[in-house]
């Protein structure tokens, strides 16, 4: 996911270490790290800001233990029904 604006940009010091009493950027970084995502932010004064989060497919599309209706029907027809 990538979000971009054409605003005034973010000061480099705030980009690197956040702003005292604010948790926006550090919170986003922490949450991305927690799920194994990549978090990138680019900003230049007068040029706006871009935030990119790349989430691993195994996180975005987790496999569930449930089988599809087709597989359950196929299994039942073959006499190998689920419990």
PDB file of N, CA and C in Angstrom:
ATOM      1  N   UNK A   1       0.846  -1.146   0.000  1.00  0.00           N
ATOM      2  CA  UNK A   1       0.000   0.000   0.000  1.00  0.00           C
ATOM      3  C   UNK A   1       0.907   1.228   0.000  1.00  0.00           C
ATOM      4  N   UNK A   2       0.527   2.197  -0.814  1.00  0.00           N
ATOM      5  CA  UNK A   2       1.303   3.429  -0.881  1.00  0.00           C
ATOM      6  C   UNK A   2       0.342   4.615  -0.833  1.00  0.00           C
ATOM      7  N   UNK A   3       0.655   5.558   0.027  1.00  0.00           N
ATOM      8  CA  UNK A   3      -0.139   6.778   0.161  1.00  0.00           C
ATOM      9  C   UNK A   3       0.793   7.959  -0.050  1.00  0.00           C
ATOM     10  N   UNK A   4       0.357   8.894  -0.881  1.00  0.00           N
ATOM     11  CA  UNK A   4       1.193  10.042  -1.200  1.00  0.00           C
ATOM     12  C   UNK A   4       0.346  11.320  -1.110  1.00  0.00           C
ATOM     13  N   UNK A   5       0.964  12.374  -0.620  1.00  0.00           N
ATOM     14  CA  UNK A   5       0.285  13.675  -0.646  1.00  0.00           C
ATOM     15  C   UNK A   5       1.202  14.711  -1.286  1.00  0.00           C
ATOM     16  N   UNK A   6       0.658  15.855  -1.561  1.00  0.00           N
ATOM     17  CA  UNK A   6       1.453  16.922  -2.167  1.00  0.00           C
ATOM     18  C   UNK A   6       1.544  18.112  -1.210  1.00  0.00           C
ATOM     19  N   UNK A   7       1.632  17.785   0.065  1.00  0.00           N
ATOM     20  CA  UNK A   7       1.684  18.813   1.104  1.00  0.00           C
ATOM     21  C   UNK A   7       3.051  19.440   1.246  1.00  0.00           C
ATOM     22  N   UNK A   8       3.322  19.922   2.444  1.00  0.00           N
ATOM     23  CA  UNK A   8       4.561  20.664   2.690  1.00  0.00           C
ATOM     24  C   UNK A   8       5.719  19.772   3.111  1.00  0.00           C
ATOM     25  N   UNK A   9       5.497  18.466   3.273  1.00  0.00           N
ATOM     26  CA  UNK A   9       6.574  17.558   3.678  1.00  0.00           C
ATOM     27  C   UNK A   9       6.732  17.499   5.185  1.00  0.00           C
ATOM     28  N   UNK A  10       7.601  16.627   5.638  1.00  0.00           N
ATOM     29  CA  UNK A  10       7.854  16.430   7.068  1.00  0.00           C
ATOM     30  C   UNK A  10       9.321  16.731   7.335  1.00  0.00           C
ATOM     31  N   UNK A  11       9.587  17.464   8.382  1.00  0.00           N
ATOM     32  CA  UNK A  11      10.951  17.797   8.778  1.00  0.00           C
ATOM     33  C   UNK A  11      11.769  16.518   8.961  1.00  0.00           C
ATOM     34  N   UNK A  12      13.005  16.530   8.493  1.00  0.00           N
ATOM     35  CA  UNK A  12      13.867  15.337   8.539  1.00  0.00           C
ATOM     36  C   UNK A  12      14.077  14.822   9.965  1.00  0.00           C
ATOM     37  N   UNK A  13      14.210  15.711  10.922  1.00  0.00           N
ATOM     38  CA  UNK A  13      14.405  15.291  12.312  1.00  0.00           C
ATOM     39  C   UNK A  13      13.182  14.515  12.811  1.00  0.00           C
ATOM     40  N   UNK A  14      11.997  14.970  12.460  1.00  0.00           N
ATOM     41  CA  UNK A  14      10.766  14.266  12.862  1.00  0.00           C
ATOM     42  C   UNK A  14      10.676  12.925  12.149  1.00  0.00           C
ATOM     43  N   UNK A  15      11.066  12.867  10.877  1.00  0.00           N
ATOM     44  CA  UNK A  15      11.063  11.594  10.146  1.00  0.00           C
ATOM     45  C   UNK A  15      11.941  10.560  10.830  1.00  0.00           C
ATOM     46  N   UNK A  16      13.102  10.992  11.297  1.00  0.00           N
ATOM     47  CA  UNK A  16      14.066  10.064  11.892  1.00  0.00           C
ATOM     48  C   UNK A  16      13.743   9.667  13.319  1.00  0.00           C
ATOM     49  N   UNK A  17      13.267  10.606  14.112  1.00  0.00           N
ATOM     50  CA  UNK A  17      13.088  10.274  15.536  1.00  0.00           C
ATOM     51  C   UNK A  17      11.703  10.586  16.084  1.00  0.00           C
ATOM     52  N   UNK A  18      10.772  10.997  15.244  1.00  0.00           N
ATOM     53  CA  UNK A  18       9.419  11.284  15.703  1.00  0.00           C
ATOM     54  C   UNK A  18       9.335  12.636  16.395  1.00  0.00           C
ATOM     55  N   UNK A  19       8.156  12.906  16.902  1.00  0.00           N
ATOM     56  CA  UNK A  19       7.899  14.166  17.581  1.00  0.00           C
ATOM     57  C   UNK A  19       7.484  13.853  19.006  1.00  0.00           C
ATOM     58  N   UNK A  20       8.079  14.530  19.959  1.00  0.00           N
ATOM     59  CA  UNK A  20       7.804  14.284  21.369  1.00  0.00           C
ATOM     60  C   UNK A  20       6.298  14.336  21.661  1.00  0.00           C
ATOM     61  N   UNK A  21       5.796  13.272  22.309  1.00  0.00           N
ATOM     62  CA  UNK A  21       4.390  13.212  22.672  1.00  0.00           C
ATOM     63  C   UNK A  21       3.472  12.742  21.555  1.00  0.00           C
ATOM     64  N   UNK A  22       4.027  12.429  20.387  1.00  0.00           N
ATOM     65  CA  UNK A  22       3.236  11.946  19.248  1.00  0.00           C
ATOM     66  C   UNK A  22       3.711  10.543  18.878  1.00  0.00           C
ATOM     67  N   UNK A  23       2.785   9.679  18.517  1.00  0.00           N
ATOM     68  CA  UNK A  23       3.132   8.283  18.258  1.00  0.00           C
ATOM     69  C   UNK A  23       2.801   7.834  16.842  1.00  0.00           C
ATOM     70  N   UNK A  24       2.399   8.752  15.975  1.00  0.00           N
ATOM     71  CA  UNK A  24       1.988   8.391  14.618  1.00  0.00           C
ATOM     72  C   UNK A  24       3.013   7.599  13.837  1.00  0.00           C
ATOM     73  N   UNK A  25       4.147   8.209  13.513  1.00  0.00           N
ATOM     74  CA  UNK A  25       5.161   7.530  12.706  1.00  0.00           C
ATOM     75  C   UNK A  25       5.787   6.353  13.442  1.00  0.00           C
ATOM     76  N   UNK A  26       6.124   6.544  14.711  1.00  0.00           N
ATOM     77  CA  UNK A  26       6.739   5.434  15.458  1.00  0.00           C
ATOM     78  C   UNK A  26       5.737   4.298  15.630  1.00  0.00           C
ATOM     79  N   UNK A  27       4.461   4.620  15.802  1.00  0.00           N
ATOM     80  CA  UNK A  27       3.433   3.580  15.909  1.00  0.00           C
ATOM     81  C   UNK A  27       3.281   2.793  14.622  1.00  0.00           C
ATOM     82  N   UNK A  28       3.318   3.496  13.484  1.00  0.00           N
ATOM     83  CA  UNK A  28       3.233   2.806  12.191  1.00  0.00           C
ATOM     84  C   UNK A  28       4.438   1.896  11.978  1.00  0.00           C
ATOM     85  N   UNK A  29       5.614   2.405  12.316  1.00  0.00           N
ATOM     86  CA  UNK A  29       6.830   1.578  12.176  1.00  0.00           C
ATOM     87  C   UNK A  29       6.738   0.328  13.056  1.00  0.00           C
ATOM     88  N   UNK A  30       6.310   0.527  14.299  1.00  0.00           N
ATOM     89  CA  UNK A  30       6.212  -0.582  15.251  1.00  0.00           C
ATOM     90  C   UNK A  30       5.206  -1.636  14.778  1.00  0.00           C
ATOM     91  N   UNK A  31       4.057  -1.204  14.311  1.00  0.00           N
ATOM     92  CA  UNK A  31       3.037  -2.152  13.842  1.00  0.00           C
ATOM     93  C   UNK A  31       3.512  -2.907  12.611  1.00  0.00           C
ATOM     94  N   UNK A  32       4.168  -2.211  11.691  1.00  0.00           N
ATOM     95  CA  UNK A  32       4.688  -2.873  10.496  1.00  0.00           C
ATOM     96  C   UNK A  32       5.720  -3.928  10.874  1.00  0.00           C
ATOM     97  N   UNK A  33       6.618  -3.576  11.762  1.00  0.00           N
ATOM     98  CA  UNK A  33       7.650  -4.516  12.209  1.00  0.00           C
ATOM     99  C   UNK A  33       7.018  -5.737  12.878  1.00  0.00           C
ATOM    100  N   UNK A  34       5.986  -5.509  13.664  1.00  0.00           N
ATOM    101  CA  UNK A  34       5.329  -6.590  14.409  1.00  0.00           C
ATOM    102  C   UNK A  34       4.749  -7.662  13.486  1.00  0.00           C
ATOM    103  N   UNK A  35       4.278  -7.267  12.297  1.00  0.00           N
ATOM    104  CA  UNK A  35       3.712  -8.254  11.377  1.00  0.00           C
ATOM    105  C   UNK A  35       4.684  -8.658  10.266  1.00  0.00           C
ATOM    106  N   UNK A  36       5.915  -8.178  10.344  1.00  0.00           N
ATOM    107  CA  UNK A  36       6.917  -8.539   9.350  1.00  0.00           C
ATOM    108  C   UNK A  36       6.818  -7.743   8.059  1.00  0.00           C
ATOM    109  N   UNK A  37       6.174  -6.589   8.111  1.00  0.00           N
ATOM    110  CA  UNK A  37       6.017  -5.745   6.917  1.00  0.00           C
ATOM    111  C   UNK A  37       7.187  -4.773   6.796  1.00  0.00           C
ATOM    112  N   UNK A  38       7.369  -4.265   5.596  1.00  0.00           N
ATOM    113  CA  UNK A  38       8.352  -3.207   5.359  1.00  0.00           C
ATOM    114  C   UNK A  38       7.619  -1.873   5.450  1.00  0.00           C
ATOM    115  N   UNK A  39       8.208  -0.914   6.122  1.00  0.00           N
ATOM    116  CA  UNK A  39       7.631   0.418   6.257  1.00  0.00           C
ATOM    117  C   UNK A  39       8.638   1.415   5.722  1.00  0.00           C
ATOM    118  N   UNK A  40       8.235   2.188   4.736  1.00  0.00           N
ATOM    119  CA  UNK A  40       9.123   3.188   4.151  1.00  0.00           C
ATOM    120  C   UNK A  40       8.398   4.513   4.104  1.00  0.00           C
ATOM    121  N   UNK A  41       9.135   5.577   4.355  1.00  0.00           N
ATOM    122  CA  UNK A  41       8.549   6.914   4.269  1.00  0.00           C
ATOM    123  C   UNK A  41       9.563   7.845   3.607  1.00  0.00           C
ATOM    124  N   UNK A  42       9.076   8.614   2.638  1.00  0.00           N
ATOM    125  CA  UNK A  42       9.901   9.599   1.946  1.00  0.00           C
ATOM    126  C   UNK A  42       9.226  10.947   2.086  1.00  0.00           C
ATOM    127  N   UNK A  43      10.016  11.966   2.297  1.00  0.00           N
ATOM    128  CA  UNK A  43       9.454  13.301   2.386  1.00  0.00           C
ATOM    129  C   UNK A  43      10.532  14.326   2.096  1.00  0.00           C
ATOM    130  N   UNK A  44      10.130  15.383   1.421  1.00  0.00           N
ATOM    131  CA  UNK A  44      11.017  16.519   1.178  1.00  0.00           C
ATOM    132  C   UNK A  44      10.223  17.785   1.443  1.00  0.00           C
ATOM    133  N   UNK A  45      10.857  18.758   2.079  1.00  0.00           N
ATOM    134  CA  UNK A  45      10.162  20.028   2.306  1.00  0.00           C
ATOM    135  C   UNK A  45       9.622  20.593   0.995  1.00  0.00           C
ATOM    136  N   UNK A  46       8.347  20.930   1.003  1.00  0.00           N
ATOM    137  CA  UNK A  46       7.718  21.502  -0.167  1.00  0.00           C
ATOM    138  C   UNK A  46       7.314  20.501  -1.234  1.00  0.00           C
ATOM    139  N   UNK A  47       7.633  19.225  -1.038  1.00  0.00           N
ATOM    140  CA  UNK A  47       7.346  18.225  -2.069  1.00  0.00           C
ATOM    141  C   UNK A  47       6.373  17.155  -1.604  1.00  0.00           C
ATOM    142  N   UNK A  48       5.875  17.228  -0.397  1.00  0.00           N
ATOM    143  CA  UNK A  48       4.929  16.234   0.087  1.00  0.00           C
ATOM    144  C   UNK A  48       5.597  15.039   0.731  1.00  0.00           C
ATOM    145  N   UNK A  49       4.796  14.033   0.987  1.00  0.00           N
ATOM    146  CA  UNK A  49       5.241  12.843   1.720  1.00  0.00           C
ATOM    147  C   UNK A  49       4.641  11.602   1.077  1.00  0.00           C
ATOM    148  N   UNK A  50       5.400  10.512   1.111  1.00  0.00           N
ATOM    149  CA  UNK A  50       4.911   9.229   0.624  1.00  0.00           C
ATOM    150  C   UNK A  50       5.205   8.176   1.679  1.00  0.00           C
ATOM    151  N   UNK A  51       4.190   7.406   2.021  1.00  0.00           N
ATOM    152  CA  UNK A  51       4.328   6.312   2.982  1.00  0.00           C
ATOM    153  C   UNK A  51       3.998   5.024   2.252  1.00  0.00           C
ATOM    154  N   UNK A  52       4.869   4.020   2.387  1.00  0.00           N
ATOM    155  CA  UNK A  52       4.665   2.734   1.733  1.00  0.00           C
ATOM    156  C   UNK A  52       4.773   1.620   2.766  1.00  0.00           C
ATOM    157  N   UNK A  53       3.826   0.709   2.735  1.00  0.00           N
ATOM    158  CA  UNK A  53       3.855  -0.468   3.597  1.00  0.00           C
ATOM    159  C   UNK A  53       3.729  -1.686   2.692  1.00  0.00           C
ATOM    160  N   UNK A  54       4.690  -2.590   2.799  1.00  0.00           N
ATOM    161  CA  UNK A  54       4.665  -3.829   2.015  1.00  0.00           C
ATOM    162  C   UNK A  54       4.442  -4.977   3.000  1.00  0.00           C
ATOM    163  N   UNK A  55       3.307  -5.645   2.833  1.00  0.00           N
ATOM    164  CA  UNK A  55       2.902  -6.702   3.759  1.00  0.00           C
ATOM    165  C   UNK A  55       3.134  -8.053   3.102  1.00  0.00           C
ATOM    166  N   UNK A  56       3.799  -8.996   3.808  1.00  0.00           N
ATOM    167  CA  UNK A  56       4.024 -10.327   3.239  1.00  0.00           C
ATOM    168  C   UNK A  56       2.694 -11.024   2.926  1.00  0.00           C
ATOM    169  N   UNK A  57       2.657 -11.759   1.832  1.00  0.00           N
ATOM    170  CA  UNK A  57       1.435 -12.462   1.436  1.00  0.00           C
ATOM    171  C   UNK A  57       0.937 -13.395   2.540  1.00  0.00           C
ATOM    172  N   UNK A  58       1.848 -14.047   3.267  1.00  0.00           N
ATOM    173  CA  UNK A  58       1.413 -14.969   4.314  1.00  0.00           C
ATOM    174  C   UNK A  58       0.671 -14.249   5.436  1.00  0.00           C
ATOM    175  N   UNK A  59       0.888 -12.942   5.572  1.00  0.00           N
ATOM    176  CA  UNK A  59       0.164 -12.145   6.565  1.00  0.00           C
ATOM    177  C   UNK A  59      -1.140 -11.630   5.967  1.00  0.00           C
ATOM    178  N   UNK A  60      -1.062 -11.143   4.739  1.00  0.00           N
ATOM    179  CA  UNK A  60      -2.236 -10.567   4.083  1.00  0.00           C
ATOM    180  C   UNK A  60      -3.274 -11.624   3.723  1.00  0.00           C
ATOM    181  N   UNK A  61      -2.817 -12.821   3.375  1.00  0.00           N
ATOM    182  CA  UNK A  61      -3.706 -13.893   2.942  1.00  0.00           C
ATOM    183  C   UNK A  61      -3.417 -15.166   3.739  1.00  0.00           C
ATOM    184  N   UNK A  62      -3.739 -15.169   5.023  1.00  0.00           N
ATOM    185  CA  UNK A  62      -3.413 -16.350   5.828  1.00  0.00           C
ATOM    186  C   UNK A  62      -4.253 -17.550   5.409  1.00  0.00           C
ATOM    187  N   UNK A  63      -3.645 -18.706   5.462  1.00  0.00           N
ATOM    188  CA  UNK A  63      -4.378 -19.951   5.195  1.00  0.00           C
ATOM    189  C   UNK A  63      -5.172 -20.310   6.432  1.00  0.00           C
ATOM    190  N   UNK A  64      -6.362 -20.775   6.215  1.00  0.00           N
ATOM    191  CA  UNK A  64      -7.176 -21.204   7.347  1.00  0.00           C
ATOM    192  C   UNK A  64      -7.198 -22.716   7.394  1.00  0.00           C
ATOM    193  N   UNK A  65      -7.603 -23.261   8.510  1.00  0.00           N
ATOM    194  CA  UNK A  65      -7.688 -24.705   8.673  1.00  0.00           C
ATOM    195  C   UNK A  65      -8.926 -25.277   7.986  1.00  0.00           C
ATOM    196  N   UNK A  66      -9.886 -24.430   7.684  1.00  0.00           N
ATOM    197  CA  UNK A  66     -11.107 -24.894   7.041  1.00  0.00           C
ATOM    198  C   UNK A  66     -10.844 -25.168   5.573  1.00  0.00           C
ATOM    199  N   UNK A  67     -11.429 -26.230   5.071  1.00  0.00           N
ATOM    200  CA  UNK A  67     -11.303 -26.514   3.646  1.00  0.00           C
ATOM    201  C   UNK A  67     -12.456 -25.860   2.899  1.00  0.00           C
ATOM    202  N   UNK A  68     -12.321 -25.784   1.617  1.00  0.00           N
ATOM    203  CA  UNK A  68     -13.362 -25.164   0.800  1.00  0.00           C
ATOM    204  C   UNK A  68     -14.580 -26.076   0.740  1.00  0.00           C
ATOM    205  N   UNK A  69     -15.754 -25.532   0.438  1.00  0.00           N
ATOM    206  CA  UNK A  69     -16.949 -26.367   0.299  1.00  0.00           C
ATOM    207  C   UNK A  69     -16.753 -27.466  -0.740  1.00  0.00           C
ATOM    208  N   UNK A  70     -16.034 -27.170  -1.805  1.00  0.00           N
ATOM    209  CA  UNK A  70     -15.777 -28.166  -2.849  1.00  0.00           C
ATOM    210  C   UNK A  70     -14.985 -29.357  -2.287  1.00  0.00           C
ATOM    211  N   UNK A  71     -13.941 -29.069  -1.531  1.00  0.00           N
ATOM    212  CA  UNK A  71     -13.139 -30.165  -0.971  1.00  0.00           C
ATOM    213  C   UNK A  71     -13.922 -30.968   0.053  1.00  0.00           C
ATOM    214  N   UNK A  72     -14.768 -30.317   0.850  1.00  0.00           N
ATOM    215  CA  UNK A  72     -15.601 -31.049   1.816  1.00  0.00           C
ATOM    216  C   UNK A  72     -16.579 -31.972   1.092  1.00  0.00           C
ATOM    217  N   UNK A  73     -17.199 -31.477   0.014  1.00  0.00           N
ATOM    218  CA  UNK A  73     -18.139 -32.298  -0.751  1.00  0.00           C
ATOM    219  C   UNK A  73     -17.424 -33.467  -1.403  1.00  0.00           C
ATOM    220  N   UNK A  74     -16.263 -33.203  -1.972  1.00  0.00           N
ATOM    221  CA  UNK A  74     -15.480 -34.267  -2.625  1.00  0.00           C
ATOM    222  C   UNK A  74     -15.090 -35.330  -1.613  1.00  0.00           C
ATOM    223  N   UNK A  75     -14.659 -34.893  -0.418  1.00  0.00           N
ATOM    224  CA  UNK A  75     -14.262 -35.801   0.633  1.00  0.00           C
ATOM    225  C   UNK A  75     -15.450 -36.646   1.098  1.00  0.00           C
ATOM    226  N   UNK A  76     -16.611 -36.022   1.261  1.00  0.00           N
ATOM    227  CA  UNK A  76     -17.808 -36.750   1.696  1.00  0.00           C
ATOM    228  C   UNK A  76     -18.235 -37.781   0.658  1.00  0.00           C
ATOM    229  N   UNK A  77     -18.121 -37.439  -0.611  1.00  0.00           N
ATOM    230  CA  UNK A  77     -18.533 -38.360  -1.674  1.00  0.00           C
ATOM    231  C   UNK A  77     -17.598 -39.559  -1.762  1.00  0.00           C
ATOM    232  N   UNK A  78     -16.352 -39.375  -1.364  1.00  0.00           N
ATOM    233  CA  UNK A  78     -15.406 -40.489  -1.451  1.00  0.00           C
ATOM    234  C   UNK A  78     -15.415 -41.349  -0.185  1.00  0.00           C
ATOM    235  N   UNK A  79     -16.276 -40.964   0.792  1.00  0.00           N
ATOM    236  CA  UNK A  79     -16.354 -41.723   2.033  1.00  0.00           C
ATOM    237  C   UNK A  79     -15.302 -41.340   3.055  1.00  0.00           C
ATOM    238  N   UNK A  80     -14.611 -40.245   2.819  1.00  0.00           N
ATOM    239  CA  UNK A  80     -13.573 -39.792   3.736  1.00  0.00           C
ATOM    240  C   UNK A  80     -13.997 -38.491   4.392  1.00  0.00           C
ATOM    241  N   UNK A  81     -15.238 -38.412   4.817  1.00  0.00           N
ATOM    242  CA  UNK A  81     -15.795 -37.199   5.411  1.00  0.00           C
ATOM    243  C   UNK A  81     -15.037 -36.756   6.643  1.00  0.00           C
ATOM    244  N   UNK A  82     -15.162 -35.488   6.950  1.00  0.00           N
ATOM    245  CA  UNK A  82     -14.497 -34.928   8.109  1.00  0.00           C
ATOM    246  C   UNK A  82     -15.355 -35.148   9.328  1.00  0.00           C
ATOM    247  N   UNK A  83     -14.800 -35.824  10.345  1.00  0.00           N
ATOM    248  CA  UNK A  83     -15.377 -36.084  11.630  1.00  0.00           C
ATOM    249  C   UNK A  83     -16.762 -35.827  11.776  1.00  0.00           C
TER     250      UNK A  83
END
